[in-house]
Amino acid sequence: MLPETIDAGRFSLRPFRAEDAEVVYSYASDAEFLHYLPIPLPYTLASARDFIAKQGALDRLVNPSWALDINGVACGGVNIRFFATHRVAEIGYAVARRRWGQGLASEAARLVISVAFERLPELTRVRAMADARNVASIRVMEKLGMRREGLLRSDREFRGELTDEVVHGILRSEWHP
């Protein structure tokens, strides 16, 4: 099992809390933040509360999730989901727009992947997926050392249209924390 909290120095990863609802609503209702994320619109304070409740209900053995916290304030999140009895994982990340360009998504994802490879000897590979138009998310994958493994054409329904999705991945043998 991965730790409930992880300290990275300039930020920490910790469980989402009910009191995060206002700040999650603040960043997650931003049109730029939502541009490529499959989050139902309109995004409301009730949506933020529902998101936090769902994060708390996740089975941490299969799908641990963390708020990205800077000085006690959530500014995004990262999660990892395990498949095939923890041999394959898929990571996801999102950071509030006001924090874009600070390397937080790649640093948080790198930390989670490192801990996962360290704690789970059976873990063979980690993958990530993104809308093929989401250059910033693809750049995070590249910074993590992930290789592009495929393009899934018209694979994802996103706000009424079919969009392409890219898949990147990294094997344990390729991982350099």
C-alpha atoms as a PDB file:
ATOM      1  CA  MET A   1       0.000   0.000   0.000  1.00  0.00           C
ATOM      2  CA  LEU A   2       1.251   3.473  -0.827  1.00  0.00           C
ATOM      3  CA  PRO A   3       1.532   6.037   1.973  1.00  0.00           C
ATOM      4  CA  GLU A   4      -1.388   8.288   2.815  1.00  0.00           C
ATOM      5  CA  THR A   5       0.883  11.328   2.894  1.00  0.00           C
ATOM      6  CA  ILE A   6       4.129  12.009   1.060  1.00  0.00           C
ATOM      7  CA  ASP A   7       6.352  14.990   1.814  1.00  0.00           C
ATOM      8  CA  ALA A   8       8.209  16.443  -1.159  1.00  0.00           C
ATOM      9  CA  GLY A   9       9.719  19.473   0.556  1.00  0.00           C
ATOM     10  CA  ARG A  10       8.087  22.301  -1.393  1.00  0.00           C
ATOM     11  CA  PHE A  11       4.735  20.509  -1.358  1.00  0.00           C
ATOM     12  CA  SER A  12       3.105  17.477   0.187  1.00  0.00           C
ATOM     13  CA  LEU A  13       0.668  14.897  -1.067  1.00  0.00           C
ATOM     14  CA  ARG A  14      -2.139  14.161   1.348  1.00  0.00           C
ATOM     15  CA  PRO A  15      -5.750  12.988   1.262  1.00  0.00           C
ATOM     16  CA  PHE A  16      -8.358  15.473   0.107  1.00  0.00           C
ATOM     17  CA  ARG A  17     -10.354  16.878   3.038  1.00  0.00           C
ATOM     18  CA  ALA A  18     -13.906  18.225   3.234  1.00  0.00           C
ATOM     19  CA  GLU A  19     -12.507  21.681   3.970  1.00  0.00           C
ATOM     20  CA  ASP A  20     -10.762  21.637   0.553  1.00  0.00           C
ATOM     21  CA  ALA A  21     -14.103  22.035  -1.241  1.00  0.00           C
ATOM     22  CA  GLU A  22     -13.946  25.828  -1.682  1.00  0.00           C
ATOM     23  CA  VAL A  23     -10.400  25.825  -3.034  1.00  0.00           C
ATOM     24  CA  VAL A  24     -11.050  22.802  -5.288  1.00  0.00           C
ATOM     25  CA  TYR A  25     -14.104  24.614  -6.630  1.00  0.00           C
ATOM     26  CA  SER A  26     -12.006  27.735  -7.125  1.00  0.00           C
ATOM     27  CA  TYR A  27      -9.410  26.071  -9.366  1.00  0.00           C
ATOM     28  CA  ALA A  28     -11.574  23.350 -10.915  1.00  0.00           C
ATOM     29  CA  SER A  29     -14.238  25.762 -12.152  1.00  0.00           C
ATOM     30  CA  ASP A  30     -11.613  27.630 -14.212  1.00  0.00           C
ATOM     31  CA  ALA A  31     -12.308  27.161 -17.939  1.00  0.00           C
ATOM     32  CA  GLU A  32      -8.602  26.781 -18.763  1.00  0.00           C
ATOM     33  CA  PHE A  33      -8.142  24.132 -16.061  1.00  0.00           C
ATOM     34  CA  LEU A  34     -11.121  22.204 -17.458  1.00  0.00           C
ATOM     35  CA  HIS A  35     -10.163  22.555 -21.105  1.00  0.00           C
ATOM     36  CA  TYR A  36      -9.060  18.913 -21.562  1.00  0.00           C
ATOM     37  CA  LEU A  37     -10.423  17.300 -18.413  1.00  0.00           C
ATOM     38  CA  PRO A  38     -13.549  15.128 -18.656  1.00  0.00           C
ATOM     39  CA  ILE A  39     -15.257  16.895 -15.773  1.00  0.00           C
ATOM     40  CA  PRO A  40     -19.013  17.508 -16.070  1.00  0.00           C
ATOM     41  CA  LEU A  41     -20.038  21.123 -16.581  1.00  0.00           C
ATOM     42  CA  PRO A  42     -21.026  23.383 -15.043  1.00  0.00           C
ATOM     43  CA  TYR A  43     -18.581  22.747 -12.220  1.00  0.00           C
ATOM     44  CA  THR A  44     -20.145  23.836  -8.943  1.00  0.00           C
ATOM     45  CA  LEU A  45     -19.272  23.820  -5.268  1.00  0.00           C
ATOM     46  CA  ALA A  46     -21.467  20.706  -5.008  1.00  0.00           C
ATOM     47  CA  SER A  47     -19.292  19.128  -7.744  1.00  0.00           C
ATOM     48  CA  ALA A  48     -16.192  19.854  -5.652  1.00  0.00           C
ATOM     49  CA  ARG A  49     -17.786  18.325  -2.549  1.00  0.00           C
ATOM     50  CA  ASP A  50     -18.817  15.267  -4.558  1.00  0.00           C
ATOM     51  CA  PHE A  51     -15.283  14.930  -5.987  1.00  0.00           C
ATOM     52  CA  ILE A  52     -13.760  15.062  -2.496  1.00  0.00           C
ATOM     53  CA  ALA A  53     -16.238  12.494  -1.168  1.00  0.00           C
ATOM     54  CA  LYS A  54     -15.431  10.158  -4.065  1.00  0.00           C
ATOM     55  CA  GLN A  55     -11.689  10.532  -3.483  1.00  0.00           C
ATOM     56  CA  GLY A  56     -12.191   9.590   0.158  1.00  0.00           C
ATOM     57  CA  ALA A  57     -14.206   6.509  -0.815  1.00  0.00           C
ATOM     58  CA  LEU A  58     -11.562   5.102  -3.170  1.00  0.00           C
ATOM     59  CA  ASP A  59      -9.930   1.829  -2.210  1.00  0.00           C
ATOM     60  CA  ARG A  60      -6.358   2.962  -1.455  1.00  0.00           C
ATOM     61  CA  LEU A  61      -5.028  -0.515  -2.282  1.00  0.00           C
ATOM     62  CA  VAL A  62      -6.197  -0.152  -5.879  1.00  0.00           C
ATOM     63  CA  ASN A  63      -6.567   3.581  -6.487  1.00  0.00           C
ATOM     64  CA  PRO A  64      -4.766   5.883  -4.056  1.00  0.00           C
ATOM     65  CA  SER A  65      -5.347   9.584  -4.573  1.00  0.00           C
ATOM     66  CA  TRP A  66      -3.736  12.679  -3.064  1.00  0.00           C
ATOM     67  CA  ALA A  67      -4.298  16.408  -2.931  1.00  0.00           C
ATOM     68  CA  LEU A  68      -1.235  18.388  -3.933  1.00  0.00           C
ATOM     69  CA  ASP A  69      -0.808  20.700  -0.949  1.00  0.00           C
ATOM     70  CA  ILE A  70       1.328  23.832  -0.705  1.00  0.00           C
ATOM     71  CA  ASN A  71       1.348  25.533   2.687  1.00  0.00           C
ATOM     72  CA  GLY A  72      -1.870  23.814   3.752  1.00  0.00           C
ATOM     73  CA  VAL A  73      -3.803  24.657   0.571  1.00  0.00           C
ATOM     74  CA  ALA A  74      -4.766  22.111  -2.096  1.00  0.00           C
ATOM     75  CA  CYS A  75      -3.750  23.203  -5.591  1.00  0.00           C
ATOM     76  CA  GLY A  76      -4.302  20.022  -7.572  1.00  0.00           C
ATOM     77  CA  GLY A  77      -4.054  16.310  -7.239  1.00  0.00           C
ATOM     78  CA  VAL A  78      -2.459  13.097  -8.375  1.00  0.00           C
ATOM     79  CA  ASN A  79      -3.760   9.548  -8.412  1.00  0.00           C
ATOM     80  CA  ILE A  80      -2.607   6.140  -9.507  1.00  0.00           C
ATOM     81  CA  ARG A  81      -4.777   3.161 -10.333  1.00  0.00           C
ATOM     82  CA  PHE A  82      -3.471  -0.397 -10.285  1.00  0.00           C
ATOM     83  CA  PHE A  83      -4.544  -3.171 -12.638  1.00  0.00           C
ATOM     84  CA  ALA A  84      -3.624  -6.823 -13.101  1.00  0.00           C
ATOM     85  CA  THR A  85      -2.823  -7.414  -9.421  1.00  0.00           C
ATOM     86  CA  HIS A  86      -0.567  -4.371  -9.224  1.00  0.00           C
ATOM     87  CA  ARG A  87       1.531  -5.236 -12.294  1.00  0.00           C
ATOM     88  CA  VAL A  88       0.300  -2.256 -14.330  1.00  0.00           C
ATOM     89  CA  ALA A  89      -0.657   1.212 -13.152  1.00  0.00           C
ATOM     90  CA  GLU A  90      -2.127   4.343 -14.686  1.00  0.00           C
ATOM     91  CA  ILE A  91      -1.285   7.739 -13.263  1.00  0.00           C
ATOM     92  CA  GLY A  92      -3.254  10.963 -13.502  1.00  0.00           C
ATOM     93  CA  TYR A  93      -2.487  14.517 -12.393  1.00  0.00           C
ATOM     94  CA  ALA A  94      -3.967  17.998 -12.447  1.00  0.00           C
ATOM     95  CA  VAL A  95      -2.676  21.304 -11.116  1.00  0.00           C
ATOM     96  CA  ALA A  96      -4.513  24.602 -10.590  1.00  0.00           C
ATOM     97  CA  ARG A  97      -3.838  27.066 -13.415  1.00  0.00           C
ATOM     98  CA  ARG A  98      -2.257  29.589 -11.044  1.00  0.00           C
ATOM     99  CA  ARG A  99       0.441  26.947 -10.387  1.00  0.00           C
ATOM    100  CA  TRP A 100       1.095  25.956 -14.012  1.00  0.00           C
ATOM    101  CA  GLY A 101       4.670  26.193 -15.203  1.00  0.00           C
ATOM    102  CA  GLN A 102       6.180  25.414 -11.790  1.00  0.00           C
ATOM    103  CA  GLY A 103       6.941  21.744 -12.478  1.00  0.00           C
ATOM    104  CA  LEU A 104       4.454  20.549  -9.858  1.00  0.00           C
ATOM    105  CA  ALA A 105       2.636  17.987 -12.018  1.00  0.00           C
ATOM    106  CA  SER A 106       5.818  16.272 -13.146  1.00  0.00           C
ATOM    107  CA  GLU A 107       7.386  16.409  -9.675  1.00  0.00           C
ATOM    108  CA  ALA A 108       4.277  15.008  -7.967  1.00  0.00           C
ATOM    109  CA  ALA A 109       3.813  12.286 -10.594  1.00  0.00           C
ATOM    110  CA  ARG A 110       7.519  11.383 -10.402  1.00  0.00           C
ATOM    111  CA  LEU A 111       7.244  11.061  -6.620  1.00  0.00           C
ATOM    112  CA  VAL A 112       4.191   8.790  -6.811  1.00  0.00           C
ATOM    113  CA  ILE A 113       5.743   6.602  -9.519  1.00  0.00           C
ATOM    114  CA  SER A 114       8.963   6.283  -7.497  1.00  0.00           C
ATOM    115  CA  VAL A 115       7.076   5.263  -4.370  1.00  0.00           C
ATOM    116  CA  ALA A 116       4.960   2.801  -6.363  1.00  0.00           C
ATOM    117  CA  PHE A 117       8.001   1.126  -7.932  1.00  0.00           C
ATOM    118  CA  GLU A 118       9.744   1.089  -4.545  1.00  0.00           C
ATOM    119  CA  ARG A 119       6.833  -0.379  -2.579  1.00  0.00           C
ATOM    120  CA  LEU A 120       5.378  -2.743  -5.180  1.00  0.00           C
ATOM    121  CA  PRO A 121       8.001  -5.140  -6.558  1.00  0.00           C
ATOM    122  CA  GLU A 122       5.403  -6.706  -8.861  1.00  0.00           C
ATOM    123  CA  LEU A 123       4.746  -3.363 -10.623  1.00  0.00           C
ATOM    124  CA  THR A 124       6.088  -3.682 -14.172  1.00  0.00           C
ATOM    125  CA  ARG A 125       4.881  -0.536 -15.925  1.00  0.00           C
ATOM    126  CA  VAL A 126       3.135   2.766 -15.405  1.00  0.00           C
ATOM    127  CA  ARG A 127       1.138   4.471 -18.120  1.00  0.00           C
ATOM    128  CA  ALA A 128      -0.612   7.799 -18.553  1.00  0.00           C
ATOM    129  CA  MET A 129      -3.216   8.951 -21.042  1.00  0.00           C
ATOM    130  CA  ALA A 130      -4.198  12.397 -22.256  1.00  0.00           C
ATOM    131  CA  ASP A 131      -6.221  14.170 -24.888  1.00  0.00           C
ATOM    132  CA  ALA A 132      -3.895  14.299 -27.905  1.00  0.00           C
ATOM    133  CA  ARG A 133      -4.320  18.113 -28.028  1.00  0.00           C
ATOM    134  CA  ASN A 134      -3.128  18.549 -24.431  1.00  0.00           C
ATOM    135  CA  VAL A 135       0.488  19.507 -25.102  1.00  0.00           C
ATOM    136  CA  ALA A 136       1.215  20.360 -21.449  1.00  0.00           C
ATOM    137  CA  SER A 137       0.102  16.954 -20.158  1.00  0.00           C
ATOM    138  CA  ILE A 138       2.076  15.192 -22.869  1.00  0.00           C
ATOM    139  CA  ARG A 139       5.123  17.245 -21.855  1.00  0.00           C
ATOM    140  CA  VAL A 140       4.714  16.007 -18.257  1.00  0.00           C
ATOM    141  CA  MET A 141       4.738  12.422 -19.526  1.00  0.00           C
ATOM    142  CA  GLU A 142       7.901  13.101 -21.503  1.00  0.00           C
ATOM    143  CA  LYS A 143       9.580  14.698 -18.458  1.00  0.00           C
ATOM    144  CA  LEU A 144       8.795  11.491 -16.565  1.00  0.00           C
ATOM    145  CA  GLY A 145      10.730   9.529 -19.189  1.00  0.00           C
ATOM    146  CA  MET A 146       7.599   7.927 -20.582  1.00  0.00           C
ATOM    147  CA  ARG A 147       7.545   6.857 -24.205  1.00  0.00           C
ATOM    148  CA  ARG A 148       4.631   7.382 -26.524  1.00  0.00           C
ATOM    149  CA  GLU A 149       3.065   3.970 -26.989  1.00  0.00           C
ATOM    150  CA  GLY A 150       0.051   4.807 -29.057  1.00  0.00           C
ATOM    151  CA  LEU A 151      -2.605   7.091 -30.409  1.00  0.00           C
ATOM    152  CA  LEU A 152      -6.166   5.990 -29.847  1.00  0.00           C
ATOM    153  CA  ARG A 153      -8.093   7.699 -32.625  1.00  0.00           C
ATOM    154  CA  SER A 154     -11.577   9.025 -31.819  1.00  0.00           C
ATOM    155  CA  ASP A 155     -11.359   7.012 -28.616  1.00  0.00           C
ATOM    156  CA  ARG A 156     -12.802   9.331 -26.005  1.00  0.00           C
ATOM    157  CA  GLU A 157     -16.082  11.168 -25.981  1.00  0.00           C
ATOM    158  CA  PHE A 158     -15.398  14.622 -24.681  1.00  0.00           C
ATOM    159  CA  ARG A 159     -18.160  17.199 -24.425  1.00  0.00           C
ATOM    160  CA  GLY A 160     -20.067  15.859 -27.384  1.00  0.00           C
ATOM    161  CA  GLU A 161     -17.171  15.064 -29.709  1.00  0.00           C
ATOM    162  CA  LEU A 162     -14.870  12.112 -30.195  1.00  0.00           C
ATOM    163  CA  THR A 163     -11.252  13.022 -29.522  1.00  0.00           C
ATOM    164  CA  ASP A 164      -7.936  11.285 -29.959  1.00  0.00           C
ATOM    165  CA  GLU A 165      -6.078  10.105 -26.897  1.00  0.00           C
ATOM    166  CA  VAL A 166      -2.356   9.429 -26.532  1.00  0.00           C
ATOM    167  CA  VAL A 167      -0.882   6.724 -24.342  1.00  0.00           C
ATOM    168  CA  HIS A 168       2.594   6.994 -22.849  1.00  0.00           C
ATOM    169  CA  GLY A 169       4.275   4.454 -20.585  1.00  0.00           C
ATOM    170  CA  ILE A 170       7.423   3.547 -18.757  1.00  0.00           C
ATOM    171  CA  LEU A 171       8.733   0.170 -17.639  1.00  0.00           C
ATOM    172  CA  ARG A 172      10.377  -0.452 -14.286  1.00  0.00           C
ATOM    173  CA  SER A 173      13.633  -1.195 -16.129  1.00  0.00           C
ATOM    174  CA  GLU A 174      13.516   2.271 -17.747  1.00  0.00           C
ATOM    175  CA  TRP A 175      12.639   4.209 -14.589  1.00  0.00           C
ATOM    176  CA  HIS A 176      15.224   6.668 -13.277  1.00  0.00           C
ATOM    177  CA  PRO A 177      13.808   8.531 -10.282  1.00  0.00           C
END
